[in-house]
């Protein structure tokens, strides 16, 4: 997990485009080694985005404070659930995928192909819906893995990226929830 921290700390120190996107967040949650930007309209959560490690920013409203409180509870105990008013987002298919993902308990995983079979779709379409998830951690797309040769689990992509920095966050979240091992080499 140390590598996650080092990579994200370098990104935060470098600033740049990744840091410019954080304008307009209702709050920023400082997670171990990365941050989560929260967008709310006062009544619904509009989105949550991964950010490089940075200081927390206080909530601008009571809903943003509720999101911060529930994120803190998750990072203290990954078995706790989320009860947040999420704004409707995505296509009908994406919402079906996200509903399946939201039902995956902490400490468990599903595979892209298994979700595709459940939904009558393809693993690639499920992966694309996972990558478009506007509520990461709350809708735990990190719990969806690829299948490697021989049926072993492989980390797969994360947030529309197969870059190691993003996948390091997925790895960290899974380890935080007690999920391991998986065949990390299968998707390099």
N, C-alpha and C. Protein backbone atom coordinates (compact mmCIF):
# COMPACT_ATOMS: atom_id res chain seq x y z
N UNK A 1 0.82 -1.19 0.00
CA UNK A 1 0.00 0.00 0.00
C UNK A 1 0.86 1.26 0.00
N UNK A 2 2.11 1.12 0.41
CA UNK A 2 2.99 2.27 0.42
C UNK A 2 3.14 2.88 -0.97
N UNK A 3 3.22 2.03 -2.02
CA UNK A 3 3.36 2.53 -3.39
C UNK A 3 2.19 3.41 -3.80
N UNK A 4 0.99 3.08 -3.34
CA UNK A 4 -0.18 3.91 -3.63
C UNK A 4 0.06 5.31 -3.08
N UNK A 5 0.50 5.37 -1.83
CA UNK A 5 0.72 6.67 -1.18
C UNK A 5 1.77 7.49 -1.92
N UNK A 6 2.87 6.86 -2.28
CA UNK A 6 3.96 7.58 -2.93
C UNK A 6 3.50 8.14 -4.27
N UNK A 7 2.83 7.33 -5.10
CA UNK A 7 2.38 7.80 -6.41
C UNK A 7 1.40 8.96 -6.30
N UNK A 8 0.43 8.83 -5.41
CA UNK A 8 -0.59 9.87 -5.30
C UNK A 8 -0.03 11.12 -4.65
N UNK A 9 0.92 10.98 -3.73
CA UNK A 9 1.54 12.16 -3.13
C UNK A 9 2.30 12.95 -4.20
N UNK A 10 2.99 12.25 -5.11
CA UNK A 10 3.71 12.92 -6.20
C UNK A 10 2.74 13.66 -7.11
N UNK A 11 1.60 13.04 -7.42
CA UNK A 11 0.60 13.72 -8.24
C UNK A 11 0.09 14.98 -7.55
N UNK A 12 -0.17 14.90 -6.26
CA UNK A 12 -0.68 16.06 -5.53
C UNK A 12 0.35 17.18 -5.49
N UNK A 13 1.62 16.82 -5.30
CA UNK A 13 2.68 17.83 -5.26
C UNK A 13 2.87 18.47 -6.63
N UNK A 14 2.68 17.69 -7.70
CA UNK A 14 2.86 18.21 -9.05
C UNK A 14 1.73 19.14 -9.46
N UNK A 15 0.58 18.99 -8.80
CA UNK A 15 -0.58 19.82 -9.16
C UNK A 15 -1.07 19.44 -10.52
N UNK A 16 -1.40 20.41 -11.35
CA UNK A 16 -1.80 20.14 -12.72
C UNK A 16 -3.27 19.88 -12.88
N UNK A 17 -3.61 19.25 -14.01
CA UNK A 17 -5.01 19.07 -14.41
C UNK A 17 -5.81 18.28 -13.40
N UNK A 18 -5.20 17.26 -12.80
CA UNK A 18 -5.96 16.45 -11.84
C UNK A 18 -6.41 17.30 -10.65
N UNK A 19 -5.61 18.25 -10.26
CA UNK A 19 -5.96 19.09 -9.12
C UNK A 19 -6.93 20.20 -9.52
N UNK A 20 -6.88 20.66 -10.78
CA UNK A 20 -7.77 21.73 -11.21
C UNK A 20 -9.23 21.30 -11.21
N UNK A 21 -9.50 20.00 -11.38
CA UNK A 21 -10.86 19.51 -11.44
C UNK A 21 -11.58 19.63 -10.10
N UNK A 22 -10.86 19.85 -9.00
CA UNK A 22 -11.51 19.83 -7.70
C UNK A 22 -12.27 21.11 -7.37
N UNK A 23 -12.26 22.07 -8.24
CA UNK A 23 -13.04 23.29 -8.02
C UNK A 23 -14.51 22.91 -8.09
N UNK A 24 -15.28 23.38 -7.14
CA UNK A 24 -16.70 23.09 -7.14
C UNK A 24 -17.11 21.92 -6.28
N UNK A 25 -16.18 21.30 -5.58
CA UNK A 25 -16.57 20.23 -4.67
C UNK A 25 -17.26 20.82 -3.45
N UNK A 26 -18.26 20.12 -2.95
CA UNK A 26 -18.96 20.52 -1.73
C UNK A 26 -18.14 20.17 -0.50
N UNK A 27 -17.23 19.21 -0.66
CA UNK A 27 -16.35 18.77 0.42
C UNK A 27 -15.27 17.89 -0.20
N UNK A 28 -14.17 17.73 0.51
CA UNK A 28 -13.13 16.79 0.11
C UNK A 28 -12.80 15.94 1.32
N UNK A 29 -12.85 14.62 1.12
CA UNK A 29 -12.52 13.67 2.17
C UNK A 29 -11.09 13.20 1.95
N UNK A 30 -10.26 13.32 2.97
CA UNK A 30 -8.87 12.87 2.89
C UNK A 30 -8.82 11.40 3.32
N UNK A 31 -8.74 10.52 2.35
CA UNK A 31 -8.60 9.09 2.61
C UNK A 31 -7.11 8.78 2.77
N UNK A 32 -6.78 7.60 3.26
CA UNK A 32 -5.37 7.24 3.33
C UNK A 32 -4.79 7.15 1.92
N UNK A 33 -3.87 8.01 1.58
CA UNK A 33 -3.13 7.97 0.31
C UNK A 33 -3.86 8.55 -0.90
N UNK A 34 -5.08 8.97 -0.77
CA UNK A 34 -5.80 9.62 -1.86
C UNK A 34 -6.92 10.45 -1.24
N UNK A 35 -7.66 11.15 -2.03
CA UNK A 35 -8.77 11.95 -1.53
C UNK A 35 -10.00 11.68 -2.38
N UNK A 36 -11.16 12.04 -1.84
CA UNK A 36 -12.42 11.90 -2.55
C UNK A 36 -13.11 13.26 -2.57
N UNK A 37 -13.36 13.77 -3.77
CA UNK A 37 -14.10 15.02 -3.92
C UNK A 37 -15.58 14.71 -3.99
N UNK A 38 -16.38 15.43 -3.22
CA UNK A 38 -17.81 15.19 -3.12
C UNK A 38 -18.56 16.37 -3.72
N UNK A 39 -19.51 16.08 -4.59
CA UNK A 39 -20.37 17.12 -5.16
C UNK A 39 -21.81 16.85 -4.73
N UNK A 40 -22.45 17.84 -4.14
CA UNK A 40 -23.84 17.74 -3.72
C UNK A 40 -24.58 19.01 -4.13
N UNK A 41 -25.89 18.88 -4.27
CA UNK A 41 -26.70 20.06 -4.55
C UNK A 41 -27.53 20.47 -3.32
N UNK A 42 -27.21 19.92 -2.17
CA UNK A 42 -27.95 20.21 -0.94
C UNK A 42 -29.03 19.18 -0.65
N UNK A 43 -29.52 18.51 -1.70
CA UNK A 43 -30.55 17.50 -1.52
C UNK A 43 -30.12 16.11 -1.98
N UNK A 44 -29.19 16.06 -2.95
CA UNK A 44 -28.73 14.80 -3.49
C UNK A 44 -27.22 14.85 -3.73
N UNK A 45 -26.62 13.68 -3.66
CA UNK A 45 -25.20 13.55 -4.01
C UNK A 45 -25.13 13.49 -5.53
N UNK A 46 -24.38 14.39 -6.13
CA UNK A 46 -24.26 14.45 -7.58
C UNK A 46 -23.08 13.64 -8.10
N UNK A 47 -22.07 13.44 -7.27
CA UNK A 47 -20.92 12.66 -7.70
C UNK A 47 -19.83 12.64 -6.65
N UNK A 48 -18.96 11.65 -6.78
CA UNK A 48 -17.78 11.51 -5.94
C UNK A 48 -16.64 11.18 -6.89
N UNK A 49 -15.51 11.86 -6.73
CA UNK A 49 -14.37 11.65 -7.63
C UNK A 49 -13.10 11.36 -6.84
N UNK A 50 -12.28 10.46 -7.38
CA UNK A 50 -10.97 10.22 -6.80
C UNK A 50 -10.06 11.39 -7.13
N UNK A 51 -9.28 11.81 -6.14
CA UNK A 51 -8.31 12.89 -6.30
C UNK A 51 -6.98 12.45 -5.71
N UNK A 52 -5.90 13.07 -6.13
CA UNK A 52 -4.63 12.82 -5.46
C UNK A 52 -4.72 13.22 -3.99
N UNK A 53 -3.86 12.67 -3.20
CA UNK A 53 -3.85 12.95 -1.76
C UNK A 53 -3.78 14.45 -1.51
N UNK A 54 -4.64 14.92 -0.62
CA UNK A 54 -4.67 16.34 -0.27
C UNK A 54 -5.42 16.49 1.05
N UNK A 55 -5.35 17.67 1.60
CA UNK A 55 -6.03 17.95 2.87
C UNK A 55 -7.54 17.90 2.68
N UNK A 56 -8.21 17.51 3.72
CA UNK A 56 -9.67 17.51 3.70
C UNK A 56 -10.16 18.95 3.61
N UNK A 57 -11.34 19.11 3.04
CA UNK A 57 -12.01 20.41 3.02
C UNK A 57 -13.36 20.25 3.68
N UNK A 58 -13.71 21.17 4.53
CA UNK A 58 -14.98 21.01 5.25
C UNK A 58 -16.19 21.05 4.32
N UNK A 59 -17.26 20.45 4.78
CA UNK A 59 -18.50 20.40 4.02
C UNK A 59 -19.14 21.77 3.95
N UNK A 60 -19.74 22.05 2.79
CA UNK A 60 -20.43 23.32 2.58
C UNK A 60 -21.89 23.27 3.04
N UNK A 61 -22.43 22.06 3.22
CA UNK A 61 -23.83 21.92 3.61
C UNK A 61 -24.01 20.63 4.40
N UNK A 62 -25.20 20.42 4.94
CA UNK A 62 -25.45 19.27 5.80
C UNK A 62 -25.37 17.94 5.05
N UNK A 63 -25.79 17.90 3.79
CA UNK A 63 -25.68 16.65 3.03
C UNK A 63 -24.22 16.29 2.79
N UNK A 64 -23.42 17.27 2.44
CA UNK A 64 -21.99 17.01 2.24
C UNK A 64 -21.36 16.51 3.54
N UNK A 65 -21.79 17.04 4.67
CA UNK A 65 -21.29 16.57 5.97
C UNK A 65 -21.70 15.12 6.21
N UNK A 66 -22.93 14.78 5.82
CA UNK A 66 -23.39 13.40 5.96
C UNK A 66 -22.53 12.46 5.10
N UNK A 67 -22.21 12.88 3.88
CA UNK A 67 -21.34 12.07 3.02
C UNK A 67 -19.98 11.88 3.68
N UNK A 68 -19.39 12.97 4.20
CA UNK A 68 -18.10 12.86 4.88
C UNK A 68 -18.17 11.91 6.07
N UNK A 69 -19.24 12.00 6.83
CA UNK A 69 -19.40 11.13 8.00
C UNK A 69 -19.49 9.67 7.59
N UNK A 70 -20.25 9.39 6.52
CA UNK A 70 -20.38 8.00 6.09
C UNK A 70 -19.10 7.48 5.46
N UNK A 71 -18.37 8.33 4.75
CA UNK A 71 -17.07 7.91 4.23
C UNK A 71 -16.11 7.61 5.38
N UNK A 72 -16.10 8.45 6.41
CA UNK A 72 -15.24 8.20 7.58
C UNK A 72 -15.60 6.88 8.23
N UNK A 73 -16.90 6.59 8.34
CA UNK A 73 -17.33 5.32 8.93
C UNK A 73 -16.83 4.15 8.09
N UNK A 74 -16.91 4.26 6.76
CA UNK A 74 -16.42 3.21 5.87
C UNK A 74 -14.91 2.99 6.06
N UNK A 75 -14.15 4.06 6.15
CA UNK A 75 -12.71 3.90 6.30
C UNK A 75 -12.33 3.39 7.68
N UNK A 76 -13.21 3.57 8.66
CA UNK A 76 -13.00 2.95 9.98
C UNK A 76 -13.42 1.49 9.98
N UNK A 77 -14.52 1.18 9.29
CA UNK A 77 -15.07 -0.17 9.25
C UNK A 77 -15.70 -0.40 7.88
N UNK A 78 -15.00 -1.10 6.98
CA UNK A 78 -15.51 -1.25 5.62
C UNK A 78 -16.82 -2.03 5.52
N UNK A 79 -17.26 -2.65 6.60
CA UNK A 79 -18.52 -3.39 6.58
C UNK A 79 -19.73 -2.47 6.74
N UNK A 80 -19.49 -1.24 7.16
CA UNK A 80 -20.65 -0.33 7.32
C UNK A 80 -21.18 0.04 5.94
N UNK A 81 -22.43 0.27 5.85
CA UNK A 81 -23.04 0.59 4.55
C UNK A 81 -23.23 2.08 4.38
N UNK A 82 -23.70 2.44 3.21
CA UNK A 82 -23.99 3.84 2.88
C UNK A 82 -25.48 4.01 2.71
N UNK A 83 -26.01 5.10 3.22
CA UNK A 83 -27.41 5.47 3.04
C UNK A 83 -27.44 6.94 2.65
N UNK A 84 -27.28 7.16 1.37
CA UNK A 84 -27.20 8.53 0.86
C UNK A 84 -28.18 8.72 -0.29
N UNK A 85 -28.74 9.92 -0.42
CA UNK A 85 -29.62 10.20 -1.56
C UNK A 85 -28.78 10.51 -2.81
N UNK A 86 -28.65 9.53 -3.68
CA UNK A 86 -27.84 9.69 -4.89
C UNK A 86 -28.72 10.23 -6.01
N UNK A 87 -28.23 11.23 -6.70
CA UNK A 87 -28.96 11.78 -7.84
C UNK A 87 -29.01 10.74 -8.95
N UNK A 88 -30.14 10.62 -9.63
CA UNK A 88 -30.20 9.69 -10.76
C UNK A 88 -29.15 10.08 -11.80
N UNK A 89 -28.46 9.09 -12.31
CA UNK A 89 -27.42 9.34 -13.31
C UNK A 89 -27.33 8.12 -14.22
N UNK A 90 -26.74 8.31 -15.37
CA UNK A 90 -26.45 7.22 -16.28
C UNK A 90 -27.63 6.72 -17.07
N UNK A 91 -27.32 5.78 -17.95
CA UNK A 91 -28.35 5.15 -18.79
C UNK A 91 -29.09 4.10 -17.97
N UNK A 92 -30.16 3.58 -18.53
CA UNK A 92 -30.92 2.51 -17.87
C UNK A 92 -29.99 1.32 -17.60
N UNK A 93 -29.18 0.95 -18.59
CA UNK A 93 -28.26 -0.18 -18.41
C UNK A 93 -27.24 0.11 -17.31
N UNK A 94 -26.64 1.30 -17.31
CA UNK A 94 -25.66 1.64 -16.28
C UNK A 94 -26.29 1.56 -14.90
N UNK A 95 -27.50 2.05 -14.76
CA UNK A 95 -28.17 1.99 -13.45
C UNK A 95 -28.42 0.54 -13.02
N UNK A 96 -28.71 -0.34 -13.97
CA UNK A 96 -28.88 -1.76 -13.64
C UNK A 96 -27.56 -2.35 -13.14
N UNK A 97 -26.46 -2.01 -13.82
CA UNK A 97 -25.14 -2.49 -13.41
C UNK A 97 -24.82 -1.96 -12.01
N UNK A 98 -25.03 -0.66 -11.80
CA UNK A 98 -24.71 -0.06 -10.50
C UNK A 98 -25.54 -0.65 -9.38
N UNK A 99 -26.80 -1.02 -9.67
CA UNK A 99 -27.64 -1.66 -8.65
C UNK A 99 -27.06 -3.02 -8.28
N UNK A 100 -26.59 -3.78 -9.27
CA UNK A 100 -25.95 -5.07 -9.00
C UNK A 100 -24.68 -4.88 -8.17
N UNK A 101 -23.89 -3.87 -8.52
CA UNK A 101 -22.65 -3.60 -7.81
C UNK A 101 -22.95 -3.19 -6.36
N UNK A 102 -23.95 -2.35 -6.18
CA UNK A 102 -24.30 -1.88 -4.83
C UNK A 102 -24.71 -3.04 -3.92
N UNK A 103 -25.15 -4.14 -4.50
CA UNK A 103 -25.58 -5.30 -3.71
C UNK A 103 -24.41 -6.21 -3.30
N UNK A 104 -23.21 -5.94 -3.79
CA UNK A 104 -22.04 -6.77 -3.44
C UNK A 104 -21.60 -6.38 -2.03
N UNK A 105 -21.62 -7.30 -1.07
CA UNK A 105 -21.22 -6.94 0.30
C UNK A 105 -19.72 -6.65 0.41
N UNK A 106 -19.38 -5.85 1.38
CA UNK A 106 -17.98 -5.57 1.67
C UNK A 106 -17.25 -6.88 1.94
N UNK A 107 -16.05 -6.99 1.41
CA UNK A 107 -15.26 -8.21 1.59
C UNK A 107 -15.56 -9.27 0.55
N UNK A 108 -16.46 -8.98 -0.38
CA UNK A 108 -16.82 -9.91 -1.44
C UNK A 108 -16.50 -9.29 -2.79
N UNK A 109 -16.45 -10.13 -3.80
CA UNK A 109 -16.22 -9.64 -5.16
C UNK A 109 -17.20 -10.32 -6.11
N UNK A 110 -17.35 -9.74 -7.28
CA UNK A 110 -18.03 -10.37 -8.41
C UNK A 110 -17.12 -10.16 -9.61
N UNK A 111 -17.34 -10.93 -10.65
CA UNK A 111 -16.57 -10.79 -11.87
C UNK A 111 -17.41 -10.09 -12.93
N UNK A 112 -16.73 -9.36 -13.82
CA UNK A 112 -17.41 -8.66 -14.90
C UNK A 112 -18.31 -9.63 -15.67
N UNK A 113 -17.78 -10.79 -16.01
CA UNK A 113 -18.54 -11.77 -16.78
C UNK A 113 -19.76 -12.30 -16.04
N UNK A 114 -19.63 -12.51 -14.74
CA UNK A 114 -20.77 -12.98 -13.96
C UNK A 114 -21.88 -11.94 -13.91
N UNK A 115 -21.50 -10.67 -13.73
CA UNK A 115 -22.49 -9.60 -13.76
C UNK A 115 -23.13 -9.53 -15.15
N UNK A 116 -22.32 -9.70 -16.19
CA UNK A 116 -22.85 -9.66 -17.55
C UNK A 116 -23.87 -10.77 -17.76
N UNK A 117 -23.58 -11.97 -17.26
CA UNK A 117 -24.54 -13.08 -17.38
C UNK A 117 -25.84 -12.74 -16.66
N UNK A 118 -25.74 -12.18 -15.47
CA UNK A 118 -26.93 -11.80 -14.70
C UNK A 118 -27.77 -10.77 -15.45
N UNK A 119 -27.08 -9.84 -16.12
CA UNK A 119 -27.76 -8.74 -16.79
C UNK A 119 -28.07 -9.01 -18.26
N UNK A 120 -27.63 -10.17 -18.77
CA UNK A 120 -27.85 -10.48 -20.18
C UNK A 120 -27.06 -9.54 -21.09
N UNK A 121 -25.82 -9.30 -20.73
CA UNK A 121 -24.99 -8.35 -21.46
C UNK A 121 -23.61 -8.94 -21.68
N UNK A 122 -22.64 -8.07 -21.96
CA UNK A 122 -21.25 -8.51 -22.13
C UNK A 122 -20.39 -7.97 -20.99
N UNK A 123 -19.28 -8.66 -20.75
CA UNK A 123 -18.35 -8.22 -19.70
C UNK A 123 -17.81 -6.83 -20.01
N UNK A 124 -17.55 -6.55 -21.28
CA UNK A 124 -17.03 -5.24 -21.68
C UNK A 124 -18.04 -4.13 -21.34
N UNK A 125 -19.32 -4.37 -21.63
CA UNK A 125 -20.35 -3.37 -21.32
C UNK A 125 -20.45 -3.14 -19.81
N UNK A 126 -20.33 -4.20 -19.05
CA UNK A 126 -20.34 -4.06 -17.59
C UNK A 126 -19.13 -3.25 -17.14
N UNK A 127 -17.96 -3.54 -17.71
CA UNK A 127 -16.75 -2.79 -17.37
C UNK A 127 -16.88 -1.31 -17.70
N UNK A 128 -17.49 -1.01 -18.84
CA UNK A 128 -17.71 0.40 -19.20
C UNK A 128 -18.65 1.08 -18.21
N UNK A 129 -19.69 0.38 -17.80
CA UNK A 129 -20.62 0.95 -16.80
C UNK A 129 -19.92 1.15 -15.46
N UNK A 130 -19.06 0.19 -15.09
CA UNK A 130 -18.29 0.35 -13.85
C UNK A 130 -17.44 1.62 -13.92
N UNK A 131 -16.76 1.81 -15.04
CA UNK A 131 -15.90 2.97 -15.21
C UNK A 131 -16.65 4.28 -15.19
N UNK A 132 -17.93 4.26 -15.56
CA UNK A 132 -18.74 5.48 -15.59
C UNK A 132 -19.45 5.74 -14.27
N UNK A 133 -19.25 4.89 -13.29
CA UNK A 133 -19.91 5.02 -11.99
C UNK A 133 -19.60 6.38 -11.36
N UNK A 134 -20.62 7.22 -11.13
CA UNK A 134 -20.37 8.54 -10.56
C UNK A 134 -20.21 8.53 -9.03
N UNK A 135 -20.38 7.37 -8.40
CA UNK A 135 -20.36 7.29 -6.93
C UNK A 135 -19.40 6.23 -6.42
N UNK A 136 -18.12 6.28 -6.84
CA UNK A 136 -17.20 5.23 -6.38
C UNK A 136 -17.11 5.19 -4.86
N UNK A 137 -16.80 4.07 -4.34
CA UNK A 137 -16.77 3.69 -2.94
C UNK A 137 -18.20 3.47 -2.44
N UNK A 138 -19.10 4.43 -2.65
CA UNK A 138 -20.50 4.27 -2.24
C UNK A 138 -21.16 3.18 -3.08
N UNK A 139 -21.01 3.24 -4.38
CA UNK A 139 -21.38 2.14 -5.28
C UNK A 139 -20.05 1.48 -5.62
N UNK A 140 -19.74 0.37 -4.95
CA UNK A 140 -18.37 -0.16 -4.88
C UNK A 140 -17.89 -0.90 -6.13
N UNK A 141 -17.64 -0.15 -7.20
CA UNK A 141 -17.16 -0.75 -8.45
C UNK A 141 -15.81 -1.44 -8.25
N UNK A 142 -15.08 -1.09 -7.20
CA UNK A 142 -13.80 -1.74 -6.94
C UNK A 142 -13.98 -3.22 -6.59
N UNK A 143 -15.19 -3.65 -6.27
CA UNK A 143 -15.46 -5.05 -5.93
C UNK A 143 -15.71 -5.92 -7.15
N UNK A 144 -15.59 -5.34 -8.35
CA UNK A 144 -15.79 -6.10 -9.58
C UNK A 144 -14.42 -6.35 -10.21
N UNK A 145 -14.11 -7.63 -10.39
CA UNK A 145 -12.80 -8.03 -10.91
C UNK A 145 -12.95 -8.80 -12.22
N UNK A 146 -11.83 -8.92 -12.90
CA UNK A 146 -11.77 -9.71 -14.13
C UNK A 146 -11.50 -11.16 -13.76
N UNK A 147 -11.68 -12.04 -14.73
CA UNK A 147 -11.31 -13.45 -14.56
C UNK A 147 -10.09 -13.71 -15.41
N UNK A 148 -9.07 -14.25 -14.79
CA UNK A 148 -7.85 -14.61 -15.51
C UNK A 148 -7.96 -16.04 -16.02
N UNK A 149 -6.97 -16.45 -16.77
CA UNK A 149 -6.93 -17.83 -17.26
C UNK A 149 -7.01 -18.78 -16.07
N UNK A 150 -7.77 -19.84 -16.23
CA UNK A 150 -7.91 -20.81 -15.15
C UNK A 150 -8.96 -20.41 -14.13
N UNK A 151 -9.62 -19.29 -14.35
CA UNK A 151 -10.70 -18.89 -13.45
C UNK A 151 -10.28 -18.06 -12.25
N UNK A 152 -8.99 -17.79 -12.10
CA UNK A 152 -8.55 -16.97 -10.98
C UNK A 152 -9.02 -15.53 -11.17
N UNK A 153 -9.16 -14.80 -10.08
CA UNK A 153 -9.55 -13.39 -10.17
C UNK A 153 -8.34 -12.54 -10.53
N UNK A 154 -8.58 -11.53 -11.34
CA UNK A 154 -7.55 -10.58 -11.73
C UNK A 154 -8.10 -9.18 -11.48
N UNK A 155 -7.23 -8.28 -11.13
CA UNK A 155 -7.66 -6.94 -10.71
C UNK A 155 -8.49 -6.23 -11.78
N UNK A 156 -8.11 -6.31 -13.05
CA UNK A 156 -8.86 -5.62 -14.10
C UNK A 156 -8.59 -4.12 -14.08
N UNK A 157 -9.44 -3.38 -14.75
CA UNK A 157 -9.29 -1.93 -14.82
C UNK A 157 -9.98 -1.24 -13.65
N UNK A 158 -9.93 0.09 -13.68
CA UNK A 158 -10.58 0.86 -12.62
C UNK A 158 -10.76 2.29 -13.11
N UNK A 159 -11.95 2.82 -12.98
CA UNK A 159 -12.26 4.21 -13.33
C UNK A 159 -11.88 4.52 -14.78
N UNK A 160 -12.22 3.61 -15.69
CA UNK A 160 -11.88 3.73 -17.12
C UNK A 160 -10.38 3.79 -17.36
N UNK A 161 -9.61 3.17 -16.48
CA UNK A 161 -8.16 3.21 -16.64
C UNK A 161 -7.56 1.87 -16.23
N UNK A 162 -6.51 1.49 -16.91
CA UNK A 162 -5.73 0.34 -16.48
C UNK A 162 -4.37 0.81 -15.98
N UNK A 163 -4.24 2.13 -15.79
CA UNK A 163 -2.98 2.69 -15.28
C UNK A 163 -2.76 2.21 -13.86
N UNK A 164 -1.50 1.98 -13.52
CA UNK A 164 -1.19 1.42 -12.21
C UNK A 164 -1.60 2.33 -11.06
N UNK A 165 -1.56 3.65 -11.26
CA UNK A 165 -1.95 4.55 -10.18
C UNK A 165 -3.41 4.34 -9.79
N UNK A 166 -4.29 4.24 -10.77
CA UNK A 166 -5.70 4.04 -10.49
C UNK A 166 -5.94 2.65 -9.92
N UNK A 167 -5.29 1.66 -10.53
CA UNK A 167 -5.48 0.29 -10.04
C UNK A 167 -4.93 0.13 -8.64
N UNK A 168 -3.96 0.95 -8.24
CA UNK A 168 -3.44 0.89 -6.88
C UNK A 168 -4.53 1.28 -5.88
N UNK A 169 -5.39 2.20 -6.26
CA UNK A 169 -6.51 2.57 -5.37
C UNK A 169 -7.47 1.39 -5.26
N UNK A 170 -7.78 0.75 -6.38
CA UNK A 170 -8.66 -0.42 -6.35
C UNK A 170 -8.06 -1.49 -5.45
N UNK A 171 -6.78 -1.74 -5.60
CA UNK A 171 -6.07 -2.72 -4.77
C UNK A 171 -6.17 -2.33 -3.30
N UNK A 172 -5.94 -1.06 -2.99
CA UNK A 172 -6.00 -0.59 -1.60
C UNK A 172 -7.40 -0.81 -1.01
N UNK A 173 -8.43 -0.44 -1.76
CA UNK A 173 -9.81 -0.60 -1.27
C UNK A 173 -10.14 -2.07 -1.01
N UNK A 174 -9.73 -2.94 -1.91
CA UNK A 174 -9.98 -4.37 -1.73
C UNK A 174 -9.24 -4.91 -0.50
N UNK A 175 -7.99 -4.54 -0.34
CA UNK A 175 -7.24 -4.97 0.84
C UNK A 175 -7.86 -4.42 2.12
N UNK A 176 -8.32 -3.18 2.07
CA UNK A 176 -9.00 -2.56 3.22
C UNK A 176 -10.23 -3.39 3.63
N UNK A 177 -10.90 -3.97 2.64
CA UNK A 177 -12.09 -4.77 2.91
C UNK A 177 -11.76 -6.24 3.18
N UNK A 178 -10.46 -6.57 3.17
CA UNK A 178 -10.05 -7.93 3.47
C UNK A 178 -10.10 -8.88 2.29
N UNK A 179 -10.15 -8.35 1.06
CA UNK A 179 -10.20 -9.19 -0.14
C UNK A 179 -8.80 -9.38 -0.67
N UNK A 180 -8.37 -10.62 -0.81
CA UNK A 180 -7.13 -10.99 -1.46
C UNK A 180 -7.04 -12.50 -1.41
N UNK A 181 -6.25 -13.14 -2.13
CA UNK A 181 -5.44 -12.57 -3.20
C UNK A 181 -6.20 -12.64 -4.52
N UNK A 182 -5.65 -12.02 -5.50
CA UNK A 182 -6.14 -12.10 -6.86
C UNK A 182 -4.89 -12.14 -7.73
N UNK A 183 -5.05 -12.52 -8.96
CA UNK A 183 -3.91 -12.64 -9.87
C UNK A 183 -3.66 -11.29 -10.51
N UNK A 184 -2.89 -10.47 -9.85
CA UNK A 184 -2.62 -9.11 -10.32
C UNK A 184 -1.82 -9.11 -11.63
N UNK A 185 -1.04 -10.13 -11.86
CA UNK A 185 -0.20 -10.19 -13.05
C UNK A 185 -1.02 -10.39 -14.33
N UNK A 186 -2.20 -10.97 -14.21
CA UNK A 186 -2.99 -11.31 -15.39
C UNK A 186 -3.45 -10.08 -16.17
N UNK A 187 -3.49 -8.94 -15.54
CA UNK A 187 -4.01 -7.74 -16.22
C UNK A 187 -2.98 -6.64 -16.34
N UNK A 188 -1.73 -6.97 -16.30
CA UNK A 188 -0.69 -5.94 -16.46
C UNK A 188 -0.42 -5.70 -17.91
